Amino acid sequence: MVRGCCRLWCGVMVGAAALSALASGWWLWRPREQAAPPTVDLFALPALSTSPYLNTGSDAHYIGVAACAECHPGQYRSYLRTDHSRALGDVDPADEPPDQAFFHEASGRHYRSYRSGNQLRHEEVFRDADGTIVARADWPLRYRVGSGRFSRTYL
């Protein structure tokens, strides 16, 4: 009889422990109300800081180096004698090297620079094995980077 009570008592205790563990697990992992997403734009740009300089505001725009000559004529004349003064400029097709085309074997692409009207243009073509055009890009060249003393790059 003592043995039967002991078994019963152990069974009740194990059952109670199991129910307690289940209740604790449910309490810890129960579904909760989700917090509302933040209303702050995490990728918003910060406001511009105040500055005494006129070229730091959101309304600043390029006015060209000629505007510097008004207040700084000596520095302006000196600057014009440097290659750096010719490092960025508008493309003038009459000032650029002649039209060219070449095939870049490693990439399988055809490149061409050519004049069309008053524009210098850049074309890139990729063809499949049959010669069918798979991709083609053709853009006007607006800016020249580099004075031409060593090289030029176009944008």
Protein backbone atom coordinates (compact mmCIF):
# COMPACT_ATOMS: atom_id res chain seq x y z
CA MET A 1 0.00 0.00 0.00
CA VAL A 2 2.83 2.40 0.82
CA ARG A 3 4.35 1.59 -2.49
CA GLY A 4 1.14 2.49 -4.38
CA CYS A 5 0.81 5.82 -2.56
CA CYS A 6 4.40 6.65 -3.33
CA ARG A 7 3.86 5.95 -7.02
CA LEU A 8 0.69 7.99 -7.04
CA TRP A 9 2.35 10.84 -5.19
CA CYS A 10 5.35 10.78 -7.60
CA GLY A 11 3.01 10.72 -10.59
CA VAL A 12 1.09 13.73 -9.27
CA MET A 13 4.35 15.61 -8.63
CA VAL A 14 5.75 14.83 -12.10
CA GLY A 15 2.42 15.86 -13.69
CA ALA A 16 2.37 19.11 -11.70
CA ALA A 17 5.98 19.84 -12.71
CA ALA A 18 5.14 19.18 -16.36
CA LEU A 19 2.08 21.47 -16.24
CA SER A 20 4.15 24.14 -14.51
CA ALA A 21 6.82 23.91 -17.22
CA LEU A 22 4.18 24.13 -19.97
CA ALA A 23 2.55 27.13 -18.33
CA SER A 24 5.93 28.88 -17.91
CA GLY A 25 6.85 28.18 -21.55
CA TRP A 26 3.53 29.52 -22.76
CA TRP A 27 3.93 32.65 -20.62
CA LEU A 28 7.40 33.34 -22.00
CA TRP A 29 6.56 32.61 -25.65
CA ARG A 30 2.94 33.79 -25.77
CA PRO A 31 1.94 36.04 -28.67
CA ARG A 32 2.22 39.70 -27.75
CA GLU A 33 0.90 42.81 -29.37
CA GLN A 34 3.39 44.18 -31.87
CA ALA A 35 4.67 47.68 -31.28
CA ALA A 36 3.78 50.21 -33.93
CA PRO A 37 6.60 50.75 -36.44
CA PRO A 38 8.65 53.89 -35.85
CA THR A 39 7.33 56.95 -37.62
CA VAL A 40 10.81 58.45 -37.93
CA ASP A 41 12.43 58.15 -41.38
CA LEU A 42 15.65 56.34 -40.53
CA PHE A 43 17.22 57.37 -43.83
CA ALA A 44 16.31 61.06 -43.80
CA LEU A 45 19.15 63.44 -44.52
CA PRO A 46 20.11 65.74 -41.69
CA ALA A 47 19.39 69.45 -42.04
CA LEU A 48 22.18 71.56 -43.46
CA SER A 49 24.27 73.20 -40.79
CA THR A 50 24.45 76.96 -40.75
CA SER A 51 27.51 78.46 -42.35
CA PRO A 52 28.77 81.95 -43.20
CA TYR A 53 29.83 80.66 -46.65
CA LEU A 54 27.47 81.13 -49.57
CA ASN A 55 28.38 77.88 -51.33
CA THR A 56 27.11 75.54 -48.59
CA GLY A 57 23.35 76.09 -48.80
CA SER A 58 20.88 73.91 -50.65
CA ASP A 59 20.47 76.68 -53.23
CA ALA A 60 24.20 76.75 -54.11
CA HIS A 61 25.03 76.13 -57.77
CA TYR A 62 28.11 76.26 -59.99
CA ILE A 63 28.87 79.74 -61.27
CA GLY A 64 32.12 79.01 -63.11
CA VAL A 65 35.68 80.11 -62.45
CA ALA A 66 35.22 83.38 -64.36
CA ALA A 67 33.21 84.68 -61.39
CA CYS A 68 36.40 84.42 -59.28
CA ALA A 69 38.20 86.85 -61.59
CA GLU A 70 36.13 89.78 -60.34
CA CYS A 71 37.62 89.69 -56.83
CA HIS A 72 40.80 87.68 -57.40
CA PRO A 73 42.21 88.67 -60.83
CA GLY A 74 45.82 87.65 -60.08
CA GLN A 75 44.91 84.22 -58.79
CA TYR A 76 42.50 83.74 -61.69
CA ARG A 77 45.17 84.48 -64.31
CA SER A 78 47.61 82.17 -62.53
CA TYR A 79 45.00 79.39 -62.34
CA LEU A 80 44.32 79.60 -66.08
CA ARG A 81 47.99 78.72 -66.74
CA THR A 82 47.63 75.34 -64.96
CA ASP A 83 46.53 72.02 -66.46
CA HIS A 84 44.08 71.79 -63.57
CA SER A 85 42.09 74.68 -65.00
CA ARG A 86 41.38 72.49 -68.00
CA ALA A 87 40.72 69.29 -66.03
CA LEU A 88 36.93 69.46 -66.35
CA GLY A 89 34.97 71.06 -69.12
CA ASP A 90 32.15 70.79 -71.60
CA VAL A 91 32.78 68.54 -74.58
CA ASP A 92 33.38 70.47 -77.78
CA PRO A 93 33.36 67.95 -80.66
CA ALA A 94 35.65 70.22 -82.71
CA ASP A 95 38.28 69.98 -79.92
CA GLU A 96 38.18 66.21 -79.48
CA PRO A 97 40.18 63.41 -81.15
CA PRO A 98 38.76 61.89 -84.36
CA ASP A 99 36.02 59.25 -84.30
CA GLN A 100 37.25 55.80 -83.30
CA ALA A 101 35.93 52.25 -83.00
CA PHE A 102 37.48 49.14 -81.49
CA PHE A 103 36.61 45.64 -80.34
CA HIS A 104 37.55 44.63 -76.78
CA GLU A 105 38.20 40.92 -77.13
CA ALA A 106 38.23 40.10 -73.39
CA SER A 107 34.69 41.41 -72.86
CA GLY A 108 33.35 40.74 -76.36
CA ARG A 109 32.14 44.34 -76.67
CA HIS A 110 32.40 46.81 -79.52
CA TYR A 111 33.07 50.45 -78.59
CA ARG A 112 32.76 53.52 -80.76
CA SER A 113 33.02 57.27 -80.27
CA TYR A 114 31.53 59.32 -83.07
CA ARG A 115 30.05 62.68 -83.91
CA SER A 116 26.37 63.16 -84.59
CA GLY A 117 25.28 66.70 -85.33
CA ASN A 118 26.94 68.91 -82.71
CA GLN A 119 27.42 66.02 -80.24
CA LEU A 120 30.22 63.61 -79.49
CA ARG A 121 28.66 60.23 -78.63
CA HIS A 122 29.80 56.95 -77.08
CA GLU A 123 28.36 53.60 -78.15
CA GLU A 124 28.86 50.16 -76.59
CA VAL A 125 27.46 47.03 -78.27
CA PHE A 126 27.47 43.41 -77.13
CA ARG A 127 26.59 40.71 -79.66
CA ASP A 128 25.96 36.98 -79.21
CA ALA A 129 27.82 34.27 -81.16
CA ASP A 130 25.45 34.74 -84.13
CA GLY A 131 26.16 38.48 -84.28
CA THR A 132 22.74 39.48 -82.95
CA ILE A 133 22.84 42.57 -80.76
CA VAL A 134 22.12 41.55 -77.16
CA ALA A 135 22.73 44.94 -75.54
CA ARG A 136 23.45 48.42 -76.86
CA ALA A 137 24.09 51.71 -75.09
CA ASP A 138 24.52 54.98 -76.96
CA TRP A 139 25.01 58.19 -74.98
CA PRO A 140 25.97 61.79 -75.70
CA LEU A 141 29.21 62.82 -74.01
CA ARG A 142 28.57 65.97 -71.98
CA TYR A 143 31.74 66.52 -69.91
CA ARG A 144 35.43 65.97 -70.49
CA VAL A 145 37.62 65.07 -67.50
CA GLY A 146 41.32 65.68 -68.01
CA SER A 147 43.18 68.42 -69.83
CA GLY A 148 44.28 66.12 -72.64
CA ARG A 149 47.93 66.51 -71.73
CA PHE A 150 47.98 62.86 -70.61
CA SER A 151 44.48 61.58 -71.28
CA ARG A 152 40.79 62.40 -71.22
CA THR A 153 37.76 60.64 -69.83
CA TYR A 154 34.21 61.48 -70.80
CA LEU A 155 30.96 61.64 -68.87
